[in-house]
N, C-alpha and C. Protein backbone atom coordinates (compact mmCIF):
# COMPACT_ATOMS: atom_id res chain seq x y z
N MET A 1 0.83 -1.18 0.00
CA MET A 1 0.00 0.00 0.00
C MET A 1 0.88 1.25 0.00
N ILE A 2 0.53 2.22 -0.80
CA ILE A 2 1.28 3.47 -0.87
C ILE A 2 0.65 4.45 0.12
N ALA A 3 1.49 5.08 0.93
CA ALA A 3 1.00 6.04 1.92
C ALA A 3 0.33 7.21 1.22
N LYS A 4 -0.77 7.64 1.78
CA LYS A 4 -1.49 8.79 1.23
C LYS A 4 -1.27 9.99 2.14
N ALA A 5 -1.20 11.15 1.50
CA ALA A 5 -1.03 12.37 2.27
C ALA A 5 -2.25 12.61 3.16
N PRO A 6 -2.02 13.04 4.40
CA PRO A 6 -3.15 13.35 5.28
C PRO A 6 -3.97 14.51 4.70
N ARG A 7 -5.23 14.59 5.10
CA ARG A 7 -6.11 15.68 4.66
C ARG A 7 -5.45 17.03 4.90
N GLY A 8 -5.59 17.92 3.92
CA GLY A 8 -5.00 19.25 4.04
C GLY A 8 -3.60 19.31 3.45
N PHE A 9 -3.06 18.17 3.03
CA PHE A 9 -1.71 18.12 2.48
C PHE A 9 -1.74 17.82 0.98
N GLU A 10 -2.89 18.08 0.32
CA GLU A 10 -3.03 17.80 -1.10
C GLU A 10 -2.23 18.80 -1.93
N PRO A 11 -1.94 18.46 -3.22
CA PRO A 11 -1.26 19.42 -4.10
C PRO A 11 -1.98 20.76 -4.07
N GLY A 12 -1.23 21.81 -4.06
CA GLY A 12 -1.78 23.16 -3.96
C GLY A 12 -1.71 23.72 -2.56
N SER A 13 -1.70 22.84 -1.56
CA SER A 13 -1.57 23.28 -0.18
C SER A 13 -0.11 23.61 0.10
N ARG A 14 0.14 24.62 0.94
CA ARG A 14 1.52 24.93 1.29
C ARG A 14 2.15 23.83 2.15
N LEU A 15 1.34 22.92 2.65
CA LEU A 15 1.83 21.80 3.45
C LEU A 15 2.08 20.55 2.61
N TYR A 16 1.80 20.64 1.31
CA TYR A 16 1.93 19.48 0.42
C TYR A 16 3.36 18.95 0.37
N ARG A 17 3.50 17.65 0.43
CA ARG A 17 4.78 16.98 0.24
C ARG A 17 4.59 15.94 -0.85
N PRO A 18 5.45 15.93 -1.86
CA PRO A 18 5.29 14.96 -2.95
C PRO A 18 5.46 13.53 -2.46
N PRO A 19 4.86 12.56 -3.18
CA PRO A 19 4.95 11.16 -2.76
C PRO A 19 6.39 10.66 -2.55
N ALA A 20 7.34 11.17 -3.31
CA ALA A 20 8.73 10.73 -3.15
C ALA A 20 9.23 11.01 -1.73
N GLN A 21 8.76 12.08 -1.11
CA GLN A 21 9.18 12.36 0.26
C GLN A 21 8.62 11.33 1.23
N TYR A 22 7.41 10.85 0.97
CA TYR A 22 6.84 9.81 1.82
C TYR A 22 7.60 8.50 1.63
N LEU A 23 7.98 8.19 0.38
CA LEU A 23 8.75 6.99 0.12
C LEU A 23 10.11 7.07 0.81
N ARG A 24 10.78 8.22 0.69
CA ARG A 24 12.07 8.40 1.36
C ARG A 24 11.89 8.27 2.88
N GLY A 25 10.83 8.83 3.41
CA GLY A 25 10.55 8.72 4.84
C GLY A 25 10.31 7.29 5.28
N SER A 26 9.64 6.53 4.42
CA SER A 26 9.40 5.11 4.73
C SER A 26 10.71 4.33 4.70
N PHE A 27 11.53 4.57 3.67
CA PHE A 27 12.85 3.92 3.61
C PHE A 27 13.68 4.28 4.84
N GLY A 28 13.60 5.54 5.25
CA GLY A 28 14.41 6.04 6.34
C GLY A 28 14.09 5.45 7.70
N ARG A 29 12.95 4.77 7.81
CA ARG A 29 12.59 4.16 9.09
C ARG A 29 13.40 2.89 9.37
N PHE A 30 14.09 2.38 8.33
CA PHE A 30 14.92 1.19 8.50
C PHE A 30 16.30 1.64 8.96
N ALA A 31 16.65 1.30 10.20
CA ALA A 31 17.95 1.70 10.75
C ALA A 31 19.07 0.93 10.07
N THR A 32 20.14 1.63 9.74
CA THR A 32 21.29 1.01 9.10
C THR A 32 22.57 1.42 9.81
N GLY A 33 23.63 0.74 9.49
CA GLY A 33 24.95 1.20 9.88
C GLY A 33 25.42 2.22 8.86
N VAL A 34 26.56 2.80 9.11
CA VAL A 34 27.15 3.78 8.19
C VAL A 34 28.54 3.29 7.81
N ALA A 35 28.84 3.34 6.53
CA ALA A 35 30.14 2.89 6.04
C ALA A 35 30.68 3.90 5.04
N VAL A 36 31.97 3.81 4.80
CA VAL A 36 32.62 4.61 3.76
C VAL A 36 33.31 3.63 2.82
N VAL A 37 32.99 3.73 1.53
CA VAL A 37 33.64 2.92 0.51
C VAL A 37 34.85 3.71 0.03
N THR A 38 36.04 3.11 0.14
CA THR A 38 37.26 3.79 -0.27
C THR A 38 37.91 3.02 -1.41
N PHE A 39 38.59 3.78 -2.30
CA PHE A 39 39.24 3.16 -3.45
C PHE A 39 40.26 4.14 -4.02
N GLU A 40 41.13 3.60 -4.86
CA GLU A 40 42.15 4.40 -5.53
C GLU A 40 41.68 4.64 -6.96
N ALA A 41 41.65 5.90 -7.37
CA ALA A 41 41.27 6.26 -8.74
C ALA A 41 42.43 7.00 -9.39
N SER A 42 42.30 7.29 -10.66
CA SER A 42 43.38 7.99 -11.36
C SER A 42 43.67 9.35 -10.74
N SER A 43 42.65 9.95 -10.11
CA SER A 43 42.83 11.26 -9.49
C SER A 43 43.22 11.17 -8.01
N GLY A 44 43.46 9.95 -7.50
CA GLY A 44 43.86 9.77 -6.10
C GLY A 44 42.86 8.95 -5.32
N ARG A 45 43.00 9.00 -4.00
CA ARG A 45 42.10 8.25 -3.11
C ARG A 45 40.74 8.93 -3.04
N HIS A 46 39.72 8.08 -2.97
CA HIS A 46 38.35 8.58 -2.85
C HIS A 46 37.61 7.80 -1.79
N GLY A 47 36.57 8.42 -1.25
CA GLY A 47 35.68 7.76 -0.32
C GLY A 47 34.27 8.25 -0.54
N ILE A 48 33.30 7.36 -0.34
CA ILE A 48 31.89 7.67 -0.50
C ILE A 48 31.16 7.12 0.73
N THR A 49 30.44 7.98 1.44
CA THR A 49 29.65 7.53 2.58
C THR A 49 28.40 6.82 2.08
N VAL A 50 28.13 5.64 2.65
CA VAL A 50 26.95 4.86 2.26
C VAL A 50 26.26 4.32 3.50
N ASN A 51 24.97 4.08 3.37
CA ASN A 51 24.27 3.32 4.40
C ASN A 51 23.56 2.12 3.78
N SER A 52 23.76 1.93 2.48
CA SER A 52 23.23 0.75 1.80
C SER A 52 24.37 -0.22 1.58
N PHE A 53 24.61 -1.06 2.57
CA PHE A 53 25.68 -2.04 2.55
C PHE A 53 25.14 -3.31 3.19
N THR A 54 25.45 -4.45 2.59
CA THR A 54 25.00 -5.70 3.18
C THR A 54 25.91 -6.85 2.78
N SER A 55 25.96 -7.86 3.62
CA SER A 55 26.62 -9.09 3.23
C SER A 55 25.69 -9.83 2.28
N VAL A 56 26.27 -10.57 1.35
CA VAL A 56 25.48 -11.28 0.35
C VAL A 56 25.70 -12.78 0.45
N SER A 57 26.95 -13.20 0.61
CA SER A 57 27.27 -14.63 0.56
C SER A 57 28.49 -14.92 1.42
N MET A 58 28.49 -16.10 2.03
CA MET A 58 29.66 -16.56 2.78
C MET A 58 30.62 -17.33 1.87
N GLU A 59 30.08 -18.02 0.84
CA GLU A 59 30.93 -18.80 -0.06
C GLU A 59 30.45 -18.63 -1.48
N PRO A 60 31.10 -17.82 -2.28
CA PRO A 60 32.27 -17.03 -1.91
C PRO A 60 31.83 -15.84 -1.04
N PRO A 61 32.76 -15.25 -0.30
CA PRO A 61 32.39 -14.11 0.55
C PRO A 61 32.13 -12.86 -0.31
N LEU A 62 30.87 -12.43 -0.34
CA LEU A 62 30.47 -11.28 -1.16
C LEU A 62 29.74 -10.25 -0.31
N VAL A 63 29.97 -8.97 -0.64
CA VAL A 63 29.24 -7.86 -0.04
C VAL A 63 28.68 -7.00 -1.16
N LEU A 64 27.68 -6.19 -0.83
CA LEU A 64 27.04 -5.30 -1.80
C LEU A 64 26.99 -3.89 -1.22
N VAL A 65 27.34 -2.91 -2.05
CA VAL A 65 27.13 -1.51 -1.71
C VAL A 65 26.33 -0.88 -2.84
N SER A 66 25.45 0.03 -2.47
CA SER A 66 24.61 0.73 -3.42
C SER A 66 25.08 2.18 -3.49
N ILE A 67 25.51 2.60 -4.69
CA ILE A 67 26.07 3.95 -4.87
C ILE A 67 25.18 4.76 -5.80
N ALA A 68 24.75 5.93 -5.35
CA ALA A 68 23.92 6.80 -6.18
C ALA A 68 24.68 7.23 -7.43
N ARG A 69 23.99 7.20 -8.55
CA ARG A 69 24.63 7.58 -9.82
C ARG A 69 25.08 9.04 -9.85
N ASN A 70 24.43 9.89 -9.04
CA ASN A 70 24.80 11.31 -9.04
C ASN A 70 25.95 11.62 -8.08
N THR A 71 26.51 10.58 -7.43
CA THR A 71 27.67 10.77 -6.56
C THR A 71 28.88 11.12 -7.43
N VAL A 72 29.64 12.12 -7.02
CA VAL A 72 30.77 12.60 -7.81
C VAL A 72 31.72 11.48 -8.22
N SER A 73 32.02 10.57 -7.32
CA SER A 73 32.99 9.51 -7.59
C SER A 73 32.37 8.23 -8.16
N HIS A 74 31.08 8.25 -8.44
CA HIS A 74 30.37 7.05 -8.90
C HIS A 74 31.09 6.37 -10.06
N ASP A 75 31.37 7.10 -11.12
CA ASP A 75 31.95 6.50 -12.32
C ASP A 75 33.38 6.00 -12.10
N GLU A 76 34.08 6.63 -11.16
CA GLU A 76 35.47 6.23 -10.92
C GLU A 76 35.58 4.91 -10.17
N LEU A 77 34.52 4.47 -9.50
CA LEU A 77 34.54 3.23 -8.74
C LEU A 77 34.42 1.99 -9.64
N ALA A 78 33.80 2.15 -10.80
CA ALA A 78 33.54 1.01 -11.69
C ALA A 78 34.82 0.23 -11.98
N GLY A 79 34.78 -1.07 -11.70
CA GLY A 79 35.89 -1.95 -12.01
C GLY A 79 37.09 -1.85 -11.09
N LYS A 80 36.99 -1.06 -10.02
CA LYS A 80 38.11 -0.86 -9.10
C LYS A 80 37.98 -1.73 -7.85
N ASN A 81 39.12 -2.11 -7.29
CA ASN A 81 39.13 -2.71 -5.96
C ASN A 81 38.63 -1.65 -4.98
N PHE A 82 37.98 -2.08 -3.91
CA PHE A 82 37.48 -1.12 -2.93
C PHE A 82 37.47 -1.74 -1.55
N THR A 83 37.39 -0.88 -0.54
CA THR A 83 37.24 -1.31 0.85
C THR A 83 35.98 -0.69 1.41
N VAL A 84 35.18 -1.51 2.08
CA VAL A 84 34.02 -1.01 2.83
C VAL A 84 34.48 -0.85 4.26
N ASN A 85 34.45 0.38 4.78
CA ASN A 85 34.88 0.72 6.14
C ASN A 85 33.63 0.98 6.98
N VAL A 86 33.30 0.09 7.89
CA VAL A 86 32.14 0.27 8.77
C VAL A 86 32.56 1.18 9.92
N LEU A 87 31.81 2.26 10.12
CA LEU A 87 32.22 3.28 11.09
C LEU A 87 31.74 3.00 12.50
N GLY A 88 32.60 3.33 13.45
CA GLY A 88 32.26 3.28 14.86
C GLY A 88 31.45 4.52 15.24
N ALA A 89 30.78 4.46 16.37
CA ALA A 89 29.90 5.54 16.82
C ALA A 89 30.63 6.88 16.94
N GLU A 90 31.93 6.83 17.21
CA GLU A 90 32.71 8.06 17.40
C GLU A 90 33.21 8.64 16.07
N GLN A 91 32.82 8.06 14.93
CA GLN A 91 33.37 8.47 13.64
C GLN A 91 32.38 9.22 12.74
N GLU A 92 31.44 9.91 13.35
CA GLU A 92 30.47 10.69 12.57
C GLU A 92 31.15 11.71 11.67
N SER A 93 32.25 12.32 12.14
CA SER A 93 32.94 13.32 11.32
C SER A 93 33.50 12.69 10.05
N LEU A 94 33.93 11.42 10.11
CA LEU A 94 34.38 10.72 8.90
C LEU A 94 33.23 10.53 7.92
N ALA A 95 32.06 10.17 8.44
CA ALA A 95 30.88 10.01 7.58
C ALA A 95 30.58 11.32 6.87
N MET A 96 30.62 12.41 7.60
CA MET A 96 30.32 13.72 7.00
C MET A 96 31.40 14.13 6.00
N HIS A 97 32.65 13.83 6.31
CA HIS A 97 33.76 14.17 5.43
C HIS A 97 33.56 13.58 4.04
N PHE A 98 33.15 12.31 3.98
CA PHE A 98 32.99 11.63 2.70
C PHE A 98 31.57 11.76 2.14
N ALA A 99 30.72 12.52 2.83
CA ALA A 99 29.38 12.82 2.34
C ALA A 99 29.32 14.23 1.76
N GLY A 100 30.49 14.79 1.49
CA GLY A 100 30.52 16.10 0.84
C GLY A 100 30.70 17.27 1.77
N LYS A 101 30.97 17.02 3.05
CA LYS A 101 31.22 18.10 4.02
C LYS A 101 32.60 17.87 4.61
N PRO A 102 33.64 18.10 3.79
CA PRO A 102 35.01 17.81 4.24
C PRO A 102 35.37 18.54 5.52
N ASN A 103 36.08 17.83 6.37
CA ASN A 103 36.62 18.42 7.59
C ASN A 103 38.08 17.99 7.66
N GLN A 104 38.56 17.58 8.79
CA GLN A 104 39.98 17.22 8.87
C GLN A 104 40.30 16.03 7.98
N GLU A 105 41.50 16.03 7.42
CA GLU A 105 41.94 14.94 6.54
C GLU A 105 41.96 13.63 7.32
N PRO A 106 41.33 12.59 6.79
CA PRO A 106 41.31 11.30 7.49
C PRO A 106 42.67 10.62 7.46
N LYS A 107 42.86 9.68 8.37
CA LYS A 107 44.08 8.87 8.39
C LYS A 107 43.83 7.64 7.54
N TRP A 108 44.71 7.42 6.58
CA TRP A 108 44.58 6.30 5.64
C TRP A 108 45.53 5.18 6.01
N VAL A 109 45.15 3.96 5.63
CA VAL A 109 45.99 2.78 5.75
C VAL A 109 46.16 2.24 4.33
N GLU A 110 47.40 1.95 3.97
CA GLU A 110 47.66 1.36 2.66
C GLU A 110 47.30 -0.12 2.72
N GLY A 111 46.18 -0.49 2.18
CA GLY A 111 45.78 -1.88 2.17
C GLY A 111 46.42 -2.60 0.99
N ASP A 112 46.50 -3.91 1.06
CA ASP A 112 47.04 -4.69 -0.04
C ASP A 112 46.10 -4.71 -1.24
N ILE A 113 44.80 -4.56 -1.00
CA ILE A 113 43.79 -4.61 -2.06
C ILE A 113 43.37 -3.20 -2.46
N ALA A 114 43.04 -2.39 -1.47
CA ALA A 114 42.58 -1.01 -1.70
C ALA A 114 42.86 -0.21 -0.44
N PRO A 115 42.95 1.12 -0.55
CA PRO A 115 43.17 1.92 0.66
C PRO A 115 41.97 1.81 1.60
N ARG A 116 42.25 1.96 2.89
CA ARG A 116 41.18 1.94 3.88
C ARG A 116 41.42 3.03 4.90
N LEU A 117 40.43 3.24 5.75
CA LEU A 117 40.51 4.26 6.79
C LEU A 117 40.99 3.64 8.09
N ALA A 118 41.82 4.38 8.82
CA ALA A 118 42.35 3.90 10.09
C ALA A 118 41.28 3.95 11.18
N GLY A 119 41.27 2.94 12.03
CA GLY A 119 40.44 2.98 13.24
C GLY A 119 38.98 2.66 13.06
N THR A 120 38.57 2.16 11.91
CA THR A 120 37.15 1.86 11.72
C THR A 120 36.74 0.63 12.51
N LEU A 121 35.45 0.46 12.69
CA LEU A 121 34.91 -0.65 13.48
C LEU A 121 35.18 -1.99 12.79
N SER A 122 35.02 -2.02 11.48
CA SER A 122 35.39 -3.19 10.70
C SER A 122 35.64 -2.74 9.27
N TRP A 123 36.29 -3.61 8.50
CA TRP A 123 36.55 -3.28 7.10
C TRP A 123 36.61 -4.56 6.28
N PHE A 124 36.25 -4.40 4.99
CA PHE A 124 36.22 -5.50 4.04
C PHE A 124 36.90 -5.03 2.76
N ALA A 125 38.09 -5.58 2.46
CA ALA A 125 38.81 -5.24 1.23
C ALA A 125 38.31 -6.17 0.13
N CYS A 126 37.87 -5.59 -0.98
CA CYS A 126 37.16 -6.35 -2.01
C CYS A 126 37.74 -6.14 -3.40
N THR A 127 37.61 -7.18 -4.21
CA THR A 127 37.83 -7.07 -5.65
C THR A 127 36.46 -7.07 -6.31
N PRO A 128 36.32 -6.42 -7.46
CA PRO A 128 35.00 -6.35 -8.10
C PRO A 128 34.49 -7.73 -8.49
N TRP A 129 33.24 -7.99 -8.20
CA TRP A 129 32.58 -9.24 -8.58
C TRP A 129 31.58 -8.99 -9.70
N ALA A 130 30.72 -7.96 -9.51
CA ALA A 130 29.72 -7.61 -10.51
C ALA A 130 29.17 -6.22 -10.18
N ALA A 131 28.56 -5.61 -11.18
CA ALA A 131 27.85 -4.33 -10.99
C ALA A 131 26.51 -4.46 -11.70
N TYR A 132 25.46 -3.99 -11.04
CA TYR A 132 24.11 -4.11 -11.57
C TYR A 132 23.42 -2.76 -11.57
N ASP A 133 22.56 -2.57 -12.58
CA ASP A 133 21.73 -1.37 -12.63
C ASP A 133 20.72 -1.45 -11.49
N GLY A 134 20.67 -0.38 -10.72
CA GLY A 134 19.71 -0.29 -9.62
C GLY A 134 18.93 1.00 -9.71
N GLY A 135 18.41 1.33 -10.89
CA GLY A 135 17.66 2.58 -11.06
C GLY A 135 18.58 3.76 -10.96
N ASP A 136 18.38 4.62 -9.96
CA ASP A 136 19.24 5.79 -9.80
C ASP A 136 20.51 5.46 -9.02
N HIS A 137 20.75 4.17 -8.78
CA HIS A 137 21.95 3.68 -8.10
C HIS A 137 22.61 2.57 -8.94
N THR A 138 23.87 2.29 -8.63
CA THR A 138 24.53 1.10 -9.14
C THR A 138 24.81 0.21 -7.94
N LEU A 139 24.51 -1.08 -8.10
CA LEU A 139 24.76 -2.06 -7.05
C LEU A 139 26.08 -2.74 -7.36
N TYR A 140 27.07 -2.47 -6.52
CA TYR A 140 28.40 -3.05 -6.69
C TYR A 140 28.57 -4.22 -5.74
N LEU A 141 28.86 -5.39 -6.30
CA LEU A 141 29.20 -6.56 -5.49
C LEU A 141 30.71 -6.71 -5.48
N GLY A 142 31.25 -6.96 -4.30
CA GLY A 142 32.67 -7.18 -4.17
C GLY A 142 32.96 -8.50 -3.51
N GLU A 143 34.00 -9.17 -3.96
CA GLU A 143 34.44 -10.40 -3.31
C GLU A 143 35.43 -10.02 -2.22
N VAL A 144 35.13 -10.40 -1.00
CA VAL A 144 35.96 -10.03 0.15
C VAL A 144 37.26 -10.83 0.09
N GLN A 145 38.39 -10.10 0.09
CA GLN A 145 39.72 -10.71 0.06
C GLN A 145 40.40 -10.65 1.42
N ASP A 146 40.04 -9.65 2.22
CA ASP A 146 40.63 -9.47 3.54
C ASP A 146 39.63 -8.68 4.38
N TYR A 147 39.72 -8.80 5.71
CA TYR A 147 38.77 -8.12 6.60
C TYR A 147 39.31 -8.17 8.02
N ASP A 148 38.73 -7.31 8.85
CA ASP A 148 39.05 -7.32 10.28
C ASP A 148 38.01 -6.47 11.00
N TYR A 149 38.02 -6.53 12.32
CA TYR A 149 37.11 -5.72 13.12
C TYR A 149 37.70 -5.49 14.50
N ARG A 150 37.07 -4.56 15.21
CA ARG A 150 37.40 -4.29 16.61
C ARG A 150 36.09 -4.20 17.37
N ASN A 151 36.16 -4.18 18.69
CA ASN A 151 34.96 -4.00 19.50
C ASN A 151 34.59 -2.52 19.55
N GLY A 152 33.31 -2.25 19.80
CA GLY A 152 32.86 -0.87 19.95
C GLY A 152 31.44 -0.69 19.46
N ASP A 153 30.88 0.46 19.77
CA ASP A 153 29.54 0.81 19.31
C ASP A 153 29.61 1.20 17.83
N THR A 154 28.50 1.00 17.13
CA THR A 154 28.41 1.26 15.70
C THR A 154 27.72 2.60 15.45
N LEU A 155 28.19 3.32 14.44
CA LEU A 155 27.49 4.53 13.99
C LEU A 155 26.30 4.08 13.16
N GLY A 156 25.11 4.51 13.55
CA GLY A 156 23.89 4.15 12.85
C GLY A 156 23.26 5.35 12.19
N PHE A 157 22.26 5.07 11.35
CA PHE A 157 21.52 6.12 10.66
C PHE A 157 20.07 5.69 10.55
N VAL A 158 19.16 6.55 11.02
CA VAL A 158 17.73 6.27 10.93
C VAL A 158 16.97 7.59 10.91
N SER A 159 15.94 7.65 10.11
CA SER A 159 15.09 8.84 9.98
C SER A 159 15.90 10.11 9.72
N GLY A 160 16.93 9.97 8.87
CA GLY A 160 17.72 11.14 8.48
C GLY A 160 18.70 11.63 9.52
N ARG A 161 18.94 10.84 10.56
CA ARG A 161 19.86 11.26 11.62
C ARG A 161 20.81 10.14 12.01
N PHE A 162 21.97 10.55 12.50
CA PHE A 162 22.91 9.60 13.05
C PHE A 162 22.42 9.15 14.42
N THR A 163 22.77 7.94 14.77
CA THR A 163 22.44 7.39 16.08
C THR A 163 23.55 6.41 16.47
N VAL A 164 23.48 5.93 17.68
CA VAL A 164 24.46 4.95 18.15
C VAL A 164 23.77 3.60 18.27
N ILE A 165 24.40 2.58 17.71
CA ILE A 165 23.94 1.21 17.87
C ILE A 165 24.92 0.56 18.85
N PRO A 166 24.49 0.34 20.08
CA PRO A 166 25.43 -0.15 21.10
C PRO A 166 25.85 -1.59 20.85
N GLU A 167 27.08 -1.87 21.23
CA GLU A 167 27.58 -3.24 21.19
C GLU A 167 27.12 -3.91 22.46
N PHE A 168 26.22 -4.88 22.33
CA PHE A 168 25.66 -5.52 23.52
C PHE A 168 26.51 -6.69 24.00
N LEU A 169 26.88 -7.55 23.09
CA LEU A 169 27.59 -8.76 23.47
C LEU A 169 28.80 -8.97 22.58
N PRO A 170 29.85 -9.56 23.12
CA PRO A 170 31.00 -9.86 22.27
C PRO A 170 30.62 -10.93 21.25
N GLY A 171 31.40 -11.04 20.20
CA GLY A 171 31.15 -12.02 19.16
C GLY A 171 31.45 -13.44 19.62
N HIS A 172 31.20 -14.37 18.75
CA HIS A 172 31.38 -15.79 19.06
C HIS A 172 32.81 -16.14 19.43
N GLU A 173 33.76 -15.37 18.94
CA GLU A 173 35.17 -15.67 19.23
C GLU A 173 35.50 -15.53 20.71
N SER A 174 34.67 -14.84 21.48
CA SER A 174 34.92 -14.72 22.92
C SER A 174 34.69 -16.05 23.63
N LEU A 175 34.03 -16.98 22.97
CA LEU A 175 33.78 -18.30 23.56
C LEU A 175 34.96 -19.23 23.39
N LEU A 176 35.89 -18.87 22.53
CA LEU A 176 37.05 -19.75 22.26
C LEU A 176 38.07 -19.69 23.36
């Protein structure tokens, strides 16, 4: 069912909001983590803040990121190795830096596959697996070649705002 504008919010009203805003609002109710996709391009290192990231497969290990076609670095990512850097709760400034609001220069790590950001909650270094048309986005699948993580709270995003996703329990490796 498509959400309908409440009475008084019809076209012509100063309170009117187009259906796309309701769709975006509905999408925004799904809480996500925040990540930065980093890669090396002919013009240097690049990063793109994303909240559309998911694991796809364990065998082979695949991840997916969704990149808006109107993102400045969109075309430069095609066919390149990349790293997905999952941000910790304390790294909101990194998210903003790569979302077009540059602040202090981030600390980079020279990865064997692709550059990555220092101190992130987790990271996945990937080689390109496939790219698919996703309407106004491109869906990039990467085969995970290397990865790591640390403990800590996760930077989240819901309803157009950053939030903290607390780390409740240690991972399964704490049982070893």
